């Protein structure tokens, strides 16, 4: 099924999902998408800031609680719409 819509919203109409896989890096996982993960579900994403290396992270939901485990360092582009908010840097 092909769905066209804002990436950060996920696709709530078919949730919950047993597996969510991001095909690129994200600065953070939006709460809207995390809420679509099923109990005992898994979510894989490379999380990274605007610059530098990302960290492939496996997120699981157990008892309604999300747990994050870093698997490895990874280099991939940020997905459109998932770029971190600008912050003041010296």
PDB file of N, CA and C in Angstrom:
ATOM      1  N   UNK A   1       0.848  -1.177   0.000  1.00  0.00           N
ATOM      2  CA  UNK A   1       0.000   0.000   0.000  1.00  0.00           C
ATOM      3  C   UNK A   1       0.890   1.235   0.000  1.00  0.00           C
ATOM      4  N   UNK A   2       0.642   2.145  -0.897  1.00  0.00           N
ATOM      5  CA  UNK A   2       1.369   3.407  -0.977  1.00  0.00           C
ATOM      6  C   UNK A   2       0.528   4.475  -0.300  1.00  0.00           C
ATOM      7  N   UNK A   3       1.157   5.235   0.587  1.00  0.00           N
ATOM      8  CA  UNK A   3       0.459   6.300   1.303  1.00  0.00           C
ATOM      9  C   UNK A   3       1.217   7.596   1.095  1.00  0.00           C
ATOM     10  N   UNK A   4       0.518   8.648   0.728  1.00  0.00           N
ATOM     11  CA  UNK A   4       1.114   9.963   0.546  1.00  0.00           C
ATOM     12  C   UNK A   4       0.625  10.866   1.660  1.00  0.00           C
ATOM     13  N   UNK A   5       1.549  11.425   2.427  1.00  0.00           N
ATOM     14  CA  UNK A   5       1.181  12.310   3.526  1.00  0.00           C
ATOM     15  C   UNK A   5       2.419  12.772   4.261  1.00  0.00           C
ATOM     16  N   UNK A   6       2.239  13.559   5.305  1.00  0.00           N
ATOM     17  CA  UNK A   6       3.389  14.045   6.065  1.00  0.00           C
ATOM     18  C   UNK A   6       4.123  12.888   6.755  1.00  0.00           C
ATOM     19  N   UNK A   7       5.434  12.814   6.540  1.00  0.00           N
ATOM     20  CA  UNK A   7       6.215  11.719   7.096  1.00  0.00           C
ATOM     21  C   UNK A   7       6.136  11.647   8.617  1.00  0.00           C
ATOM     22  N   UNK A   8       6.200  12.802   9.270  1.00  0.00           N
ATOM     23  CA  UNK A   8       6.231  12.830  10.742  1.00  0.00           C
ATOM     24  C   UNK A   8       4.957  12.293  11.381  1.00  0.00           C
ATOM     25  N   UNK A   9       3.877  12.174  10.618  1.00  0.00           N
ATOM     26  CA  UNK A   9       2.619  11.690  11.182  1.00  0.00           C
ATOM     27  C   UNK A   9       2.500  10.174  11.112  1.00  0.00           C
ATOM     28  N   UNK A  10       3.356   9.520  10.310  1.00  0.00           N
ATOM     29  CA  UNK A  10       3.219   8.077  10.140  1.00  0.00           C
ATOM     30  C   UNK A  10       1.946   7.761   9.381  1.00  0.00           C
ATOM     31  N   UNK A  11       1.304   6.640   9.709  1.00  0.00           N
ATOM     32  CA  UNK A  11       0.052   6.251   9.056  1.00  0.00           C
ATOM     33  C   UNK A  11      -0.841   5.586  10.102  1.00  0.00           C
ATOM     34  N   UNK A  12      -1.477   6.394  10.900  1.00  0.00           N
ATOM     35  CA  UNK A  12      -2.272   5.938  12.039  1.00  0.00           C
ATOM     36  C   UNK A  12      -3.431   5.020  11.629  1.00  0.00           C
ATOM     37  N   UNK A  13      -3.954   5.168  10.417  1.00  0.00           N
ATOM     38  CA  UNK A  13      -5.118   4.393   9.990  1.00  0.00           C
ATOM     39  C   UNK A  13      -4.870   2.884  10.031  1.00  0.00           C
ATOM     40  N   UNK A  14      -3.631   2.438   9.869  1.00  0.00           N
ATOM     41  CA  UNK A  14      -3.342   0.999   9.865  1.00  0.00           C
ATOM     42  C   UNK A  14      -2.575   0.558  11.114  1.00  0.00           C
ATOM     43  N   UNK A  15      -2.375   1.448  12.051  1.00  0.00           N
ATOM     44  CA  UNK A  15      -1.650   1.127  13.283  1.00  0.00           C
ATOM     45  C   UNK A  15      -2.514   0.225  14.157  1.00  0.00           C
ATOM     46  N   UNK A  16      -1.913  -0.521  15.051  1.00  0.00           N
ATOM     47  CA  UNK A  16      -0.499  -0.523  15.437  1.00  0.00           C
ATOM     48  C   UNK A  16       0.332  -1.429  14.524  1.00  0.00           C
ATOM     49  N   UNK A  17       1.637  -1.137  14.472  1.00  0.00           N
ATOM     50  CA  UNK A  17       2.564  -1.866  13.624  1.00  0.00           C
ATOM     51  C   UNK A  17       3.507  -2.716  14.466  1.00  0.00           C
ATOM     52  N   UNK A  18       3.788  -3.915  13.986  1.00  0.00           N
ATOM     53  CA  UNK A  18       4.757  -4.784  14.652  1.00  0.00           C
ATOM     54  C   UNK A  18       6.182  -4.330  14.386  1.00  0.00           C
ATOM     55  N   UNK A  19       6.392  -3.690  13.230  1.00  0.00           N
ATOM     56  CA  UNK A  19       7.716  -3.219  12.850  1.00  0.00           C
ATOM     57  C   UNK A  19       7.603  -1.881  12.145  1.00  0.00           C
ATOM     58  N   UNK A  20       8.425  -0.932  12.556  1.00  0.00           N
ATOM     59  CA  UNK A  20       8.534   0.361  11.886  1.00  0.00           C
ATOM     60  C   UNK A  20      10.006   0.539  11.544  1.00  0.00           C
ATOM     61  N   UNK A  21      10.296   0.803  10.276  1.00  0.00           N
ATOM     62  CA  UNK A  21      11.666   0.956   9.810  1.00  0.00           C
ATOM     63  C   UNK A  21      11.789   2.298   9.100  1.00  0.00           C
ATOM     64  N   UNK A  22      12.722   3.117   9.546  1.00  0.00           N
ATOM     65  CA  UNK A  22      12.992   4.401   8.907  1.00  0.00           C
ATOM     66  C   UNK A  22      14.066   4.181   7.849  1.00  0.00           C
ATOM     67  N   UNK A  23      13.805   4.593   6.613  1.00  0.00           N
ATOM     68  CA  UNK A  23      14.744   4.411   5.511  1.00  0.00           C
ATOM     69  C   UNK A  23      15.642   5.631   5.364  1.00  0.00           C
ATOM     70  N   UNK A  24      16.217   6.072   6.454  1.00  0.00           N
ATOM     71  CA  UNK A  24      17.088   7.232   6.518  1.00  0.00           C
ATOM     72  C   UNK A  24      17.195   7.656   7.965  1.00  0.00           C
ATOM     73  N   UNK A  25      17.972   8.693   8.211  1.00  0.00           N
ATOM     74  CA  UNK A  25      18.203   9.150   9.580  1.00  0.00           C
ATOM     75  C   UNK A  25      17.134  10.141  10.031  1.00  0.00           C
ATOM     76  N   UNK A  26      16.935  10.191  11.333  1.00  0.00           N
ATOM     77  CA  UNK A  26      16.015  11.142  11.957  1.00  0.00           C
ATOM     78  C   UNK A  26      16.727  11.770  13.148  1.00  0.00           C
ATOM     79  N   UNK A  27      16.427  13.035  13.422  1.00  0.00           N
ATOM     80  CA  UNK A  27      17.008  13.680  14.587  1.00  0.00           C
ATOM     81  C   UNK A  27      16.397  13.100  15.862  1.00  0.00           C
ATOM     82  N   UNK A  28      15.113  12.842  15.811  1.00  0.00           N
ATOM     83  CA  UNK A  28      14.406  12.224  16.925  1.00  0.00           C
ATOM     84  C   UNK A  28      13.186  11.503  16.364  1.00  0.00           C
ATOM     85  N   UNK A  29      12.699  10.539  17.095  1.00  0.00           N
ATOM     86  CA  UNK A  29      11.515   9.812  16.659  1.00  0.00           C
ATOM     87  C   UNK A  29      10.290  10.582  17.130  1.00  0.00           C
ATOM     88  N   UNK A  30       9.435  11.017  16.200  1.00  0.00           N
ATOM     89  CA  UNK A  30       8.256  11.786  16.585  1.00  0.00           C
ATOM     90  C   UNK A  30       7.317  10.951  17.472  1.00  0.00           C
ATOM     91  N   UNK A  31       6.741  11.550  18.503  1.00  0.00           N
ATOM     92  CA  UNK A  31       5.813  10.826  19.373  1.00  0.00           C
ATOM     93  C   UNK A  31       4.630  10.238  18.610  1.00  0.00           C
ATOM     94  N   UNK A  32       4.206  10.906  17.515  1.00  0.00           N
ATOM     95  CA  UNK A  32       3.090  10.406  16.711  1.00  0.00           C
ATOM     96  C   UNK A  32       3.403   9.038  16.112  1.00  0.00           C
ATOM     97  N   UNK A  33       4.662   8.842  15.709  1.00  0.00           N
ATOM     98  CA  UNK A  33       5.053   7.561  15.129  1.00  0.00           C
ATOM     99  C   UNK A  33       5.305   6.536  16.232  1.00  0.00           C
ATOM    100  N   UNK A  34       5.958   6.925  17.312  1.00  0.00           N
ATOM    101  CA  UNK A  34       6.204   5.999  18.422  1.00  0.00           C
ATOM    102  C   UNK A  34       4.891   5.435  18.961  1.00  0.00           C
ATOM    103  N   UNK A  35       3.843   6.241  18.961  1.00  0.00           N
ATOM    104  CA  UNK A  35       2.541   5.795  19.463  1.00  0.00           C
ATOM    105  C   UNK A  35       1.918   4.728  18.564  1.00  0.00           C
ATOM    106  N   UNK A  36       2.395   4.585  17.340  1.00  0.00           N
ATOM    107  CA  UNK A  36       1.840   3.614  16.400  1.00  0.00           C
ATOM    108  C   UNK A  36       2.515   2.246  16.493  1.00  0.00           C
ATOM    109  N   UNK A  37       3.504   2.106  17.373  1.00  0.00           N
ATOM    110  CA  UNK A  37       4.199   0.839  17.546  1.00  0.00           C
ATOM    111  C   UNK A  37       3.381  -0.082  18.449  1.00  0.00           C
ATOM    112  N   UNK A  38       3.174  -1.311  17.996  1.00  0.00           N
ATOM    113  CA  UNK A  38       2.375  -2.285  18.741  1.00  0.00           C
ATOM    114  C   UNK A  38       3.120  -2.777  19.977  1.00  0.00           C
ATOM    115  N   UNK A  39       2.385  -3.340  20.906  1.00  0.00           N
ATOM    116  CA  UNK A  39       2.990  -4.010  22.059  1.00  0.00           C
ATOM    117  C   UNK A  39       3.879  -5.132  21.526  1.00  0.00           C
ATOM    118  N   UNK A  40       5.098  -5.242  22.044  1.00  0.00           N
ATOM    119  CA  UNK A  40       6.127  -6.190  21.596  1.00  0.00           C
ATOM    120  C   UNK A  40       6.647  -5.846  20.197  1.00  0.00           C
ATOM    121  N   UNK A  41       6.315  -4.650  19.685  1.00  0.00           N
ATOM    122  CA  UNK A  41       6.789  -4.224  18.380  1.00  0.00           C
ATOM    123  C   UNK A  41       8.210  -3.703  18.434  1.00  0.00           C
ATOM    124  N   UNK A  42       8.818  -3.585  17.255  1.00  0.00           N
ATOM    125  CA  UNK A  42      10.183  -3.076  17.129  1.00  0.00           C
ATOM    126  C   UNK A  42      10.229  -1.936  16.132  1.00  0.00           C
ATOM    127  N   UNK A  43      11.092  -0.982  16.413  1.00  0.00           N
ATOM    128  CA  UNK A  43      11.273   0.153  15.510  1.00  0.00           C
ATOM    129  C   UNK A  43      12.778   0.354  15.334  1.00  0.00           C
ATOM    130  N   UNK A  44      13.234   0.421  14.070  1.00  0.00           N
ATOM    131  CA  UNK A  44      14.645   0.617  13.778  1.00  0.00           C
ATOM    132  C   UNK A  44      14.831   1.962  13.092  1.00  0.00           C
ATOM    133  N   UNK A  45      15.773   2.740  13.618  1.00  0.00           N
ATOM    134  CA  UNK A  45      16.034   4.064  13.054  1.00  0.00           C
ATOM    135  C   UNK A  45      17.475   4.464  13.331  1.00  0.00           C
ATOM    136  N   UNK A  46      18.049   5.222  12.407  1.00  0.00           N
ATOM    137  CA  UNK A  46      19.337   5.857  12.650  1.00  0.00           C
ATOM    138  C   UNK A  46      19.020   7.236  13.201  1.00  0.00           C
ATOM    139  N   UNK A  47      19.461   7.497  14.414  1.00  0.00           N
ATOM    140  CA  UNK A  47      19.218   8.797  15.050  1.00  0.00           C
ATOM    141  C   UNK A  47      20.516   9.581  15.017  1.00  0.00           C
ATOM    142  N   UNK A  48      20.425  10.834  14.524  1.00  0.00           N
ATOM    143  CA  UNK A  48      21.628  11.665  14.478  1.00  0.00           C
ATOM    144  C   UNK A  48      21.271  13.138  14.481  1.00  0.00           C
ATOM    145  N   UNK A  49      22.235  13.943  14.919  1.00  0.00           N
ATOM    146  CA  UNK A  49      22.098  15.398  14.895  1.00  0.00           C
ATOM    147  C   UNK A  49      22.348  15.864  13.460  1.00  0.00           C
ATOM    148  N   UNK A  50      22.295  17.167  13.250  1.00  0.00           N
ATOM    149  CA  UNK A  50      22.488  17.718  11.913  1.00  0.00           C
ATOM    150  C   UNK A  50      23.860  17.363  11.348  1.00  0.00           C
ATOM    151  N   UNK A  51      24.864  17.307  12.192  1.00  0.00           N
ATOM    152  CA  UNK A  51      26.223  16.985  11.769  1.00  0.00           C
ATOM    153  C   UNK A  51      26.689  15.722  12.479  1.00  0.00           C
ATOM    154  N   UNK A  52      27.605  15.011  11.854  1.00  0.00           N
ATOM    155  CA  UNK A  52      28.227  13.874  12.513  1.00  0.00           C
ATOM    156  C   UNK A  52      27.594  12.539  12.174  1.00  0.00           C
ATOM    157  N   UNK A  53      28.086  11.545  12.866  1.00  0.00           N
ATOM    158  CA  UNK A  53      27.689  10.166  12.656  1.00  0.00           C
ATOM    159  C   UNK A  53      26.411   9.858  13.424  1.00  0.00           C
ATOM    160  N   UNK A  54      25.584   9.019  12.853  1.00  0.00           N
ATOM    161  CA  UNK A  54      24.357   8.611  13.520  1.00  0.00           C
ATOM    162  C   UNK A  54      24.546   7.322  14.292  1.00  0.00           C
ATOM    163  N   UNK A  55      23.512   6.941  15.023  1.00  0.00           N
ATOM    164  CA  UNK A  55      23.552   5.704  15.796  1.00  0.00           C
ATOM    165  C   UNK A  55      22.299   4.898  15.474  1.00  0.00           C
ATOM    166  N   UNK A  56      22.501   3.722  14.886  1.00  0.00           N
ATOM    167  CA  UNK A  56      21.371   2.839  14.592  1.00  0.00           C
ATOM    168  C   UNK A  56      20.804   2.371  15.926  1.00  0.00           C
ATOM    169  N   UNK A  57      19.510   2.589  16.106  1.00  0.00           N
ATOM    170  CA  UNK A  57      18.861   2.315  17.381  1.00  0.00           C
ATOM    171  C   UNK A  57      17.667   1.389  17.172  1.00  0.00           C
ATOM    172  N   UNK A  58      17.554   0.395  18.035  1.00  0.00           N
ATOM    173  CA  UNK A  58      16.408  -0.490  18.045  1.00  0.00           C
ATOM    174  C   UNK A  58      15.535  -0.103  19.234  1.00  0.00           C
ATOM    175  N   UNK A  59      14.281   0.210  18.951  1.00  0.00           N
ATOM    176  CA  UNK A  59      13.325   0.580  19.990  1.00  0.00           C
ATOM    177  C   UNK A  59      12.283  -0.528  20.088  1.00  0.00           C
ATOM    178  N   UNK A  60      11.961  -0.938  21.306  1.00  0.00           N
ATOM    179  CA  UNK A  60      10.939  -1.960  21.519  1.00  0.00           C
ATOM    180  C   UNK A  60       9.898  -1.426  22.501  1.00  0.00           C
ATOM    181  N   UNK A  61       8.678  -1.929  22.366  1.00  0.00           N
ATOM    182  CA  UNK A  61       7.600  -1.561  23.301  1.00  0.00           C
ATOM    183  C   UNK A  61       7.243  -2.804  24.106  1.00  0.00           C
ATOM    184  N   UNK A  62       7.406  -2.709  25.413  1.00  0.00           N
ATOM    185  CA  UNK A  62       7.068  -3.801  26.320  1.00  0.00           C
ATOM    186  C   UNK A  62       6.317  -3.217  27.506  1.00  0.00           C
ATOM    187  N   UNK A  63       5.129  -3.715  27.751  1.00  0.00           N
ATOM    188  CA  UNK A  63       4.329  -3.186  28.857  1.00  0.00           C
ATOM    189  C   UNK A  63       3.991  -1.724  28.668  1.00  0.00           C
ATOM    190  N   UNK A  64       3.889  -1.298  27.402  1.00  0.00           N
ATOM    191  CA  UNK A  64       3.558   0.098  27.112  1.00  0.00           C
ATOM    192  C   UNK A  64       4.736   1.053  27.219  1.00  0.00           C
ATOM    193  N   UNK A  65       5.921   0.535  27.567  1.00  0.00           N
ATOM    194  CA  UNK A  65       7.111   1.371  27.751  1.00  0.00           C
ATOM    195  C   UNK A  65       8.054   1.175  26.573  1.00  0.00           C
ATOM    196  N   UNK A  66       8.596   2.282  26.054  1.00  0.00           N
ATOM    197  CA  UNK A  66       9.565   2.218  24.965  1.00  0.00           C
ATOM    198  C   UNK A  66      10.971   2.122  25.539  1.00  0.00           C
ATOM    199  N   UNK A  67      11.739   1.158  25.050  1.00  0.00           N
ATOM    200  CA  UNK A  67      13.147   1.009  25.441  1.00  0.00           C
ATOM    201  C   UNK A  67      13.996   1.146  24.187  1.00  0.00           C
ATOM    202  N   UNK A  68      15.103   1.885  24.297  1.00  0.00           N
ATOM    203  CA  UNK A  68      15.982   2.151  23.156  1.00  0.00           C
ATOM    204  C   UNK A  68      17.336   1.484  23.399  1.00  0.00           C
ATOM    205  N   UNK A  69      17.854   0.821  22.355  1.00  0.00           N
ATOM    206  CA  UNK A  69      19.168   0.190  22.450  1.00  0.00           C
ATOM    207  C   UNK A  69      19.972   0.545  21.212  1.00  0.00           C
ATOM    208  N   UNK A  70      21.140   1.138  21.419  1.00  0.00           N
ATOM    209  CA  UNK A  70      22.023   1.483  20.299  1.00  0.00           C
ATOM    210  C   UNK A  70      22.685   0.210  19.803  1.00  0.00           C
ATOM    211  N   UNK A  71      22.620   0.002  18.497  1.00  0.00           N
ATOM    212  CA  UNK A  71      23.169  -1.203  17.877  1.00  0.00           C
ATOM    213  C   UNK A  71      24.566  -0.942  17.307  1.00  0.00           C
ATOM    214  N   UNK A  72      24.697   0.161  16.553  1.00  0.00           N
ATOM    215  CA  UNK A  72      25.973   0.473  15.909  1.00  0.00           C
ATOM    216  C   UNK A  72      25.968   1.904  15.410  1.00  0.00           C
ATOM    217  N   UNK A  73      27.150   2.398  15.085  1.00  0.00           N
ATOM    218  CA  UNK A  73      27.264   3.710  14.453  1.00  0.00           C
ATOM    219  C   UNK A  73      26.896   3.561  12.985  1.00  0.00           C
ATOM    220  N   UNK A  74      26.279   4.598  12.421  1.00  0.00           N
ATOM    221  CA  UNK A  74      25.831   4.517  11.034  1.00  0.00           C
ATOM    222  C   UNK A  74      25.864   5.897  10.393  1.00  0.00           C
ATOM    223  N   UNK A  75      26.136   5.915   9.106  1.00  0.00           N
ATOM    224  CA  UNK A  75      26.154   7.167   8.355  1.00  0.00           C
ATOM    225  C   UNK A  75      25.079   7.097   7.277  1.00  0.00           C
ATOM    226  N   UNK A  76      24.084   7.946   7.390  1.00  0.00           N
ATOM    227  CA  UNK A  76      23.033   8.035   6.377  1.00  0.00           C
ATOM    228  C   UNK A  76      22.440   9.433   6.427  1.00  0.00           C
ATOM    229  N   UNK A  77      21.796   9.830   5.362  1.00  0.00           N
ATOM    230  CA  UNK A  77      21.208  11.171   5.276  1.00  0.00           C
ATOM    231  C   UNK A  77      19.963  11.290   6.141  1.00  0.00           C
ATOM    232  N   UNK A  78      19.714  12.514   6.603  1.00  0.00           N
ATOM    233  CA  UNK A  78      18.484  12.797   7.327  1.00  0.00           C
ATOM    234  C   UNK A  78      17.310  12.779   6.357  1.00  0.00           C
ATOM    235  N   UNK A  79      16.215  12.187   6.766  1.00  0.00           N
ATOM    236  CA  UNK A  79      15.000  12.180   5.956  1.00  0.00           C
ATOM    237  C   UNK A  79      14.403  13.581   5.900  1.00  0.00           C
ATOM    238  N   UNK A  80      13.772  13.958   4.789  1.00  0.00           N
ATOM    239  CA  UNK A  80      13.124  15.264   4.709  1.00  0.00           C
ATOM    240  C   UNK A  80      12.069  15.389   5.819  1.00  0.00           C
ATOM    241  N   UNK A  81      12.063  16.500   6.494  1.00  0.00           N
ATOM    242  CA  UNK A  81      11.095  16.733   7.555  1.00  0.00           C
ATOM    243  C   UNK A  81      11.544  16.227   8.915  1.00  0.00           C
ATOM    244  N   UNK A  82      12.699  15.550   8.987  1.00  0.00           N
ATOM    245  CA  UNK A  82      13.203  15.029  10.249  1.00  0.00           C
ATOM    246  C   UNK A  82      14.512  15.689  10.656  1.00  0.00           C
ATOM    247  N   UNK A  83      14.813  16.846  10.073  1.00  0.00           N
ATOM    248  CA  UNK A  83      16.020  17.594  10.391  1.00  0.00           C
ATOM    249  C   UNK A  83      15.841  18.219  11.769  1.00  0.00           C
ATOM    250  N   UNK A  84      16.907  18.232  12.592  1.00  0.00           N
ATOM    251  CA  UNK A  84      16.773  18.816  13.930  1.00  0.00           C
ATOM    252  C   UNK A  84      16.489  20.306  13.876  1.00  0.00           C
ATOM    253  N   UNK A  85      15.832  20.790  14.915  1.00  0.00           N
ATOM    254  CA  UNK A  85      15.539  22.218  15.018  1.00  0.00           C
ATOM    255  C   UNK A  85      16.858  22.963  15.216  1.00  0.00           C
ATOM    256  N   UNK A  86      16.990  24.143  14.597  1.00  0.00           N
ATOM    257  CA  UNK A  86      18.218  24.920  14.771  1.00  0.00           C
ATOM    258  C   UNK A  86      18.434  25.271  16.230  1.00  0.00           C
ATOM    259  N   UNK A  87      19.698  25.214  16.641  1.00  0.00           N
ATOM    260  CA  UNK A  87      20.055  25.542  18.016  1.00  0.00           C
ATOM    261  C   UNK A  87      21.254  26.474  18.001  1.00  0.00           C
ATOM    262  N   UNK A  88      21.394  27.266  19.019  1.00  0.00           N
ATOM    263  CA  UNK A  88      22.516  28.185  19.112  1.00  0.00           C
ATOM    264  C   UNK A  88      23.780  27.389  19.413  1.00  0.00           C
ATOM    265  N   UNK A  89      24.847  27.619  18.632  1.00  0.00           N
ATOM    266  CA  UNK A  89      26.117  26.934  18.820  1.00  0.00           C
ATOM    267  C   UNK A  89      27.221  27.963  18.756  1.00  0.00           C
ATOM    268  N   UNK A  90      28.226  27.861  19.635  1.00  0.00           N
ATOM    269  CA  UNK A  90      29.381  28.758  19.603  1.00  0.00           C
ATOM    270  C   UNK A  90      30.304  28.401  18.488  1.00  0.00           C
TER     271      UNK A  90
END
